[in-house]
C-alpha cells in the first residue's frame, strides 16, 4: 500500500504542500506516477512525520518515548544529516556550473572548427 499526497496529509496531519516540499527537497522519497500523482511509501513518510493516532476524544501524534541520551544522539544525527544535505546541495550546484562551462567550451570549439574563413595575410595571398 502506498499513500497519495492527500492520504499522506491525512495520515500525518500535515498539509499537502508541506509533504510536497519535503518530497522536492529530498527529505521524503516518493515516485511520481504516469498521472503525475505521488506514490509515497508509508514507512518513508512516517520516518519523517509521525502518524496520527485517532482516539475517541482527540487526535494526538504518535511519538516514541526518548530518554535524554537518545535525545542527544538524535540531535547529533539530525545535525549531521543537515550538514550532509548542505554539502550535497553545494556539490549539485558545482556540477551544474561545470556542465554549463563544458557546454560553453563545446559551443566555442564547434564554432572555431566550423569557421572556414582564411586567417591572416599569407593565407589570403596563397590560399592555404
N, C-alpha and C. Protein backbone atom coordinates (compact mmCIF):
# COMPACT_ATOMS: atom_id res chain seq x y z
N UNK A 1 0.84 -1.18 0.00
CA UNK A 1 0.00 0.00 0.00
C UNK A 1 0.88 1.24 0.00
N UNK A 2 0.54 2.20 -0.80
CA UNK A 2 1.24 3.48 -0.84
C UNK A 2 0.23 4.59 -0.64
N UNK A 3 0.73 5.73 -0.17
CA UNK A 3 -0.13 6.88 0.04
C UNK A 3 -0.07 7.80 -1.18
N UNK A 4 -1.18 8.45 -1.45
CA UNK A 4 -1.16 9.60 -2.36
C UNK A 4 -0.82 10.81 -1.49
N UNK A 5 -0.67 11.95 -2.11
CA UNK A 5 -0.34 13.16 -1.35
C UNK A 5 -1.45 13.49 -0.35
N UNK A 6 -2.71 13.36 -0.77
CA UNK A 6 -3.84 13.64 0.13
C UNK A 6 -3.92 12.66 1.28
N UNK A 7 -3.71 11.37 0.99
CA UNK A 7 -3.75 10.36 2.05
C UNK A 7 -2.60 10.56 3.03
N UNK A 8 -1.43 10.94 2.51
CA UNK A 8 -0.28 11.21 3.38
C UNK A 8 -0.57 12.40 4.28
N UNK A 9 -1.24 13.38 3.74
CA UNK A 9 -1.62 14.56 4.52
C UNK A 9 -2.55 14.18 5.67
N UNK A 10 -3.55 13.35 5.38
CA UNK A 10 -4.48 12.91 6.42
C UNK A 10 -3.79 12.02 7.45
N UNK A 11 -2.86 11.19 7.01
CA UNK A 11 -2.20 10.25 7.92
C UNK A 11 -1.24 10.94 8.89
N UNK A 12 -0.74 12.12 8.50
CA UNK A 12 0.24 12.80 9.35
C UNK A 12 -0.28 14.09 9.97
N UNK A 13 -1.38 14.60 9.45
CA UNK A 13 -1.89 15.87 9.96
C UNK A 13 -1.13 17.06 9.40
N UNK A 14 -0.33 16.85 8.39
CA UNK A 14 0.42 17.93 7.73
C UNK A 14 -0.31 18.31 6.44
N UNK A 15 -0.02 19.51 5.96
CA UNK A 15 -0.66 19.94 4.72
C UNK A 15 -0.02 19.25 3.52
N UNK A 16 -0.76 19.22 2.42
CA UNK A 16 -0.23 18.61 1.21
C UNK A 16 1.01 19.36 0.73
N UNK A 17 0.99 20.68 0.87
CA UNK A 17 2.14 21.48 0.41
C UNK A 17 3.39 21.18 1.24
N UNK A 18 3.21 20.94 2.54
CA UNK A 18 4.35 20.59 3.40
C UNK A 18 4.97 19.27 2.96
N UNK A 19 4.13 18.29 2.68
CA UNK A 19 4.64 16.99 2.25
C UNK A 19 5.26 17.09 0.86
N UNK A 20 4.64 17.87 -0.02
CA UNK A 20 5.18 18.06 -1.36
C UNK A 20 6.56 18.72 -1.31
N UNK A 21 6.72 19.71 -0.45
CA UNK A 21 8.02 20.37 -0.29
C UNK A 21 9.05 19.40 0.26
N UNK A 22 8.65 18.54 1.18
CA UNK A 22 9.58 17.54 1.73
C UNK A 22 10.02 16.56 0.65
N UNK A 23 9.13 16.23 -0.26
CA UNK A 23 9.48 15.33 -1.36
C UNK A 23 10.46 16.02 -2.31
N UNK A 24 10.15 17.27 -2.66
CA UNK A 24 11.00 18.01 -3.59
C UNK A 24 12.38 18.28 -3.01
N UNK A 25 12.46 18.47 -1.69
CA UNK A 25 13.76 18.73 -1.07
C UNK A 25 14.55 17.45 -0.81
N UNK A 26 13.89 16.29 -0.95
CA UNK A 26 14.57 15.02 -0.77
C UNK A 26 14.45 14.45 0.63
N UNK A 27 13.71 15.09 1.52
CA UNK A 27 13.54 14.55 2.87
C UNK A 27 12.72 13.27 2.86
N UNK A 28 11.77 13.20 1.92
CA UNK A 28 10.93 12.02 1.76
C UNK A 28 11.09 11.55 0.32
N UNK A 29 11.34 10.26 0.12
CA UNK A 29 11.42 9.77 -1.25
C UNK A 29 10.04 9.28 -1.67
N UNK A 30 9.70 9.57 -2.92
CA UNK A 30 8.41 9.18 -3.48
C UNK A 30 8.58 9.03 -4.99
N UNK A 31 7.70 8.27 -5.58
CA UNK A 31 7.72 8.13 -7.03
C UNK A 31 6.52 8.86 -7.60
N UNK A 32 6.70 9.34 -8.82
CA UNK A 32 5.62 10.05 -9.48
C UNK A 32 5.05 9.14 -10.55
N UNK A 33 3.77 8.90 -10.49
CA UNK A 33 3.11 8.01 -11.44
C UNK A 33 2.90 8.67 -12.78
N UNK A 34 2.34 7.93 -13.72
CA UNK A 34 2.08 8.44 -15.06
C UNK A 34 1.10 9.60 -15.05
N UNK A 35 0.21 9.59 -14.09
CA UNK A 35 -0.78 10.67 -13.98
C UNK A 35 -0.23 11.90 -13.27
N UNK A 36 0.98 11.80 -12.74
CA UNK A 36 1.59 12.91 -12.03
C UNK A 36 1.35 12.87 -10.53
N UNK A 37 0.64 11.86 -10.05
CA UNK A 37 0.37 11.73 -8.62
C UNK A 37 1.55 11.05 -7.93
N UNK A 38 1.86 11.51 -6.74
CA UNK A 38 2.95 10.90 -5.98
C UNK A 38 2.49 9.59 -5.35
N UNK A 39 3.39 8.62 -5.28
CA UNK A 39 3.17 7.37 -4.55
C UNK A 39 4.21 7.35 -3.43
N UNK A 40 3.73 7.46 -2.20
CA UNK A 40 4.62 7.60 -1.04
C UNK A 40 4.52 6.35 -0.20
N UNK A 41 5.66 5.73 0.07
CA UNK A 41 5.70 4.56 0.93
C UNK A 41 5.40 5.01 2.36
N UNK A 42 4.47 4.34 3.06
CA UNK A 42 4.13 4.76 4.43
C UNK A 42 5.33 4.79 5.38
N UNK A 43 6.22 3.81 5.27
CA UNK A 43 7.37 3.81 6.18
C UNK A 43 8.27 5.01 5.92
N UNK A 44 8.39 5.42 4.65
CA UNK A 44 9.20 6.58 4.30
C UNK A 44 8.55 7.86 4.84
N UNK A 45 7.23 7.95 4.72
CA UNK A 45 6.51 9.12 5.21
C UNK A 45 6.62 9.23 6.73
N UNK A 46 6.40 8.11 7.42
CA UNK A 46 6.38 8.15 8.88
C UNK A 46 7.79 8.19 9.48
N UNK A 47 8.80 7.99 8.66
CA UNK A 47 10.18 8.20 9.11
C UNK A 47 10.39 9.69 9.40
N UNK A 48 9.74 10.54 8.62
CA UNK A 48 9.89 11.99 8.77
C UNK A 48 8.77 12.59 9.60
N UNK A 49 7.54 12.19 9.32
CA UNK A 49 6.38 12.72 10.03
C UNK A 49 5.66 11.58 10.75
N UNK A 50 5.50 11.68 12.05
CA UNK A 50 4.82 10.61 12.79
C UNK A 50 3.35 10.49 12.40
N UNK A 51 2.83 9.29 12.52
CA UNK A 51 1.43 9.04 12.18
C UNK A 51 0.52 9.61 13.25
N UNK A 52 -0.68 9.94 12.85
CA UNK A 52 -1.70 10.42 13.79
C UNK A 52 -2.48 9.21 14.28
N UNK A 53 -2.65 9.13 15.59
CA UNK A 53 -3.43 8.06 16.18
C UNK A 53 -4.78 8.65 16.56
N UNK A 54 -5.82 8.09 16.02
CA UNK A 54 -7.17 8.58 16.32
C UNK A 54 -7.64 7.97 17.64
N UNK A 55 -8.02 8.81 18.54
CA UNK A 55 -8.65 8.33 19.78
C UNK A 55 -10.08 8.82 19.78
N UNK A 56 -10.85 8.34 20.73
CA UNK A 56 -12.24 8.76 20.76
C UNK A 56 -12.39 10.22 21.13
N UNK A 57 -11.45 10.76 21.89
CA UNK A 57 -11.61 12.12 22.37
C UNK A 57 -10.91 13.14 21.48
N UNK A 58 -9.66 12.86 21.11
CA UNK A 58 -8.94 13.83 20.28
C UNK A 58 -7.85 13.13 19.48
N UNK A 59 -7.28 13.87 18.57
CA UNK A 59 -6.20 13.33 17.75
C UNK A 59 -4.87 13.70 18.38
N UNK A 60 -4.01 12.74 18.53
CA UNK A 60 -2.68 13.01 19.08
C UNK A 60 -1.64 12.42 18.16
N UNK A 61 -0.47 13.00 18.20
CA UNK A 61 0.65 12.49 17.40
C UNK A 61 1.28 11.31 18.11
N UNK A 62 1.61 10.31 17.35
CA UNK A 62 2.27 9.14 17.91
C UNK A 62 3.77 9.41 17.90
N UNK A 63 4.34 9.64 19.09
CA UNK A 63 5.76 9.92 19.19
C UNK A 63 6.39 8.89 20.10
N UNK A 64 7.53 8.37 19.70
CA UNK A 64 8.19 7.39 20.56
C UNK A 64 8.77 8.05 21.80
N UNK A 65 8.83 7.31 22.89
CA UNK A 65 9.43 7.84 24.12
C UNK A 65 10.94 7.82 23.94
N UNK A 66 11.57 8.94 24.29
CA UNK A 66 13.01 9.09 24.08
C UNK A 66 13.63 9.52 25.40
N UNK A 67 14.69 8.83 25.80
CA UNK A 67 15.38 9.28 27.00
C UNK A 67 16.41 10.34 26.63
N UNK A 68 17.03 10.97 27.60
CA UNK A 68 17.93 12.10 27.34
C UNK A 68 19.15 11.68 26.52
N UNK A 69 19.67 10.48 26.71
CA UNK A 69 20.83 10.02 25.94
C UNK A 69 20.45 9.87 24.47
N UNK A 70 19.28 9.27 24.24
CA UNK A 70 18.80 9.11 22.87
C UNK A 70 18.48 10.46 22.24
N UNK A 71 17.97 11.38 23.05
CA UNK A 71 17.64 12.70 22.55
C UNK A 71 18.89 13.41 22.03
N UNK A 72 19.97 13.32 22.75
CA UNK A 72 21.24 13.92 22.32
C UNK A 72 21.75 13.26 21.04
N UNK A 73 21.61 11.96 20.96
CA UNK A 73 22.03 11.23 19.77
C UNK A 73 21.19 11.63 18.56
N UNK A 74 19.90 11.78 18.78
CA UNK A 74 19.01 12.19 17.69
C UNK A 74 19.39 13.58 17.19
N UNK A 75 19.65 14.50 18.11
CA UNK A 75 20.05 15.86 17.71
C UNK A 75 21.36 15.84 16.92
N UNK A 76 22.31 15.03 17.39
CA UNK A 76 23.59 14.93 16.69
C UNK A 76 23.39 14.37 15.28
N UNK A 77 22.57 13.34 15.16
CA UNK A 77 22.32 12.74 13.85
C UNK A 77 21.57 13.71 12.93
N UNK A 78 20.64 14.48 13.48
CA UNK A 78 19.94 15.47 12.67
C UNK A 78 20.91 16.55 12.17
N UNK A 79 21.82 16.98 13.04
CA UNK A 79 22.81 17.98 12.63
C UNK A 79 23.71 17.43 11.53
N UNK A 80 24.13 16.17 11.67
CA UNK A 80 24.95 15.55 10.63
C UNK A 80 24.19 15.45 9.32
N UNK A 81 22.92 15.07 9.41
CA UNK A 81 22.10 14.95 8.21
C UNK A 81 21.96 16.29 7.51
N UNK A 82 21.69 17.34 8.27
CA UNK A 82 21.57 18.67 7.68
C UNK A 82 22.87 19.11 7.03
N UNK A 83 24.00 18.85 7.69
CA UNK A 83 25.30 19.21 7.11
C UNK A 83 25.55 18.42 5.82
N UNK A 84 25.18 17.16 5.82
CA UNK A 84 25.35 16.33 4.63
C UNK A 84 24.46 16.83 3.50
N UNK A 85 23.24 17.21 3.81
CA UNK A 85 22.34 17.73 2.79
C UNK A 85 22.87 19.04 2.22
N UNK A 86 23.46 19.89 3.05
CA UNK A 86 24.04 21.14 2.57
C UNK A 86 25.22 20.86 1.63
N UNK A 87 26.07 19.90 2.01
CA UNK A 87 27.20 19.54 1.15
C UNK A 87 26.71 18.99 -0.17
N UNK A 88 25.68 18.19 -0.13
CA UNK A 88 25.12 17.62 -1.35
C UNK A 88 24.58 18.72 -2.25
N UNK A 89 23.88 19.68 -1.67
CA UNK A 89 23.35 20.80 -2.44
C UNK A 89 24.49 21.60 -3.06
N UNK A 90 25.56 21.85 -2.30
CA UNK A 90 26.72 22.56 -2.83
C UNK A 90 27.35 21.81 -3.99
N UNK A 91 27.49 20.50 -3.85
CA UNK A 91 28.08 19.70 -4.91
C UNK A 91 27.20 19.69 -6.15
N UNK A 92 25.89 19.66 -5.96
CA UNK A 92 24.99 19.70 -7.12
C UNK A 92 25.12 21.02 -7.86
N UNK A 93 25.29 22.12 -7.14
CA UNK A 93 25.45 23.41 -7.80
C UNK A 93 26.79 23.48 -8.54
N UNK A 94 27.84 22.89 -7.97
CA UNK A 94 29.13 22.84 -8.66
C UNK A 94 29.02 22.02 -9.95
N UNK A 95 28.33 20.89 -9.87
CA UNK A 95 28.13 20.05 -11.05
C UNK A 95 27.38 20.82 -12.13
N UNK A 96 26.35 21.55 -11.74
CA UNK A 96 25.59 22.35 -12.70
C UNK A 96 26.48 23.39 -13.35
N UNK A 97 27.31 24.08 -12.55
CA UNK A 97 28.22 25.08 -13.10
C UNK A 97 29.21 24.44 -14.07
N UNK A 98 29.76 23.30 -13.71
CA UNK A 98 30.71 22.62 -14.59
C UNK A 98 30.06 22.19 -15.90
N UNK A 99 28.84 21.73 -15.84
CA UNK A 99 28.13 21.34 -17.07
C UNK A 99 27.92 22.56 -17.97
N UNK A 100 27.55 23.69 -17.37
CA UNK A 100 27.36 24.91 -18.16
C UNK A 100 28.67 25.33 -18.80
N UNK A 101 29.77 25.29 -18.05
CA UNK A 101 31.09 25.62 -18.60
C UNK A 101 31.44 24.68 -19.75
N UNK A 102 31.22 23.39 -19.55
CA UNK A 102 31.51 22.40 -20.60
C UNK A 102 30.73 22.71 -21.86
N UNK A 103 29.47 23.03 -21.70
CA UNK A 103 28.64 23.33 -22.87
C UNK A 103 29.12 24.58 -23.60
N UNK A 104 29.54 25.60 -22.84
CA UNK A 104 30.07 26.82 -23.47
C UNK A 104 31.36 26.52 -24.22
N UNK A 105 32.26 25.74 -23.61
CA UNK A 105 33.52 25.38 -24.28
C UNK A 105 33.25 24.55 -25.53
N UNK A 106 32.31 23.63 -25.42
CA UNK A 106 31.97 22.79 -26.58
C UNK A 106 31.43 23.65 -27.71
N UNK A 107 30.56 24.61 -27.39
CA UNK A 107 30.00 25.50 -28.41
C UNK A 107 31.10 26.34 -29.04
N UNK A 108 32.02 26.84 -28.23
CA UNK A 108 33.11 27.66 -28.77
C UNK A 108 34.02 26.82 -29.67
N UNK A 109 34.33 25.59 -29.28
CA UNK A 109 35.17 24.72 -30.10
C UNK A 109 34.47 24.40 -31.42
N UNK A 110 33.19 24.13 -31.36
CA UNK A 110 32.43 23.83 -32.58
C UNK A 110 32.42 25.04 -33.51
N UNK A 111 32.25 26.22 -32.96
CA UNK A 111 32.25 27.44 -33.76
C UNK A 111 33.60 27.64 -34.43
N UNK A 112 34.67 27.44 -33.69
CA UNK A 112 36.01 27.61 -34.26
C UNK A 112 36.30 26.58 -35.35
N UNK A 113 35.85 25.35 -35.16
CA UNK A 113 36.08 24.31 -36.17
C UNK A 113 35.27 24.58 -37.44
N UNK A 114 34.11 25.16 -37.30
CA UNK A 114 33.26 25.43 -38.45
C UNK A 114 33.65 26.70 -39.19
N UNK A 115 34.45 27.55 -38.58
CA UNK A 115 34.85 28.81 -39.19
C UNK A 115 35.90 28.52 -40.26
N UNK A 116 35.54 28.69 -41.54
CA UNK A 116 36.44 28.35 -42.65
C UNK A 116 37.07 29.59 -43.29
N UNK A 117 36.92 30.75 -42.72
CA UNK A 117 37.49 31.96 -43.29
C UNK A 117 39.01 31.88 -43.26
N UNK A 118 39.67 32.37 -44.31
CA UNK A 118 41.14 32.42 -44.26
C UNK A 118 41.58 33.39 -43.18
N UNK A 119 42.68 33.07 -42.58
CA UNK A 119 43.17 33.91 -41.50
C UNK A 119 44.53 34.50 -41.91
N UNK A 120 44.62 35.75 -41.76
CA UNK A 120 45.89 36.44 -41.98
C UNK A 120 46.20 36.72 -43.45
N UNK A 121 47.21 37.53 -43.63
CA UNK A 121 47.62 37.98 -44.95
C UNK A 121 48.15 36.84 -45.82
N UNK A 122 49.00 35.98 -45.26
CA UNK A 122 49.63 34.92 -46.04
C UNK A 122 48.61 33.89 -46.52
N UNK A 123 47.64 33.61 -45.71
CA UNK A 123 46.61 32.66 -46.12
C UNK A 123 45.76 33.25 -47.24
N UNK A 124 45.48 34.55 -47.17
CA UNK A 124 44.73 35.19 -48.23
C UNK A 124 45.54 35.20 -49.52
N UNK A 125 46.84 35.43 -49.39
CA UNK A 125 47.70 35.54 -50.55
C UNK A 125 47.92 34.18 -51.23
N UNK A 126 48.19 33.14 -50.45
CA UNK A 126 48.49 31.84 -51.03
C UNK A 126 47.31 30.87 -51.03
N UNK A 127 46.27 31.19 -50.30
CA UNK A 127 45.07 30.37 -50.28
C UNK A 127 45.21 29.06 -49.54
N UNK A 128 46.22 28.87 -48.72
CA UNK A 128 46.41 27.64 -47.94
C UNK A 128 45.90 27.79 -46.55
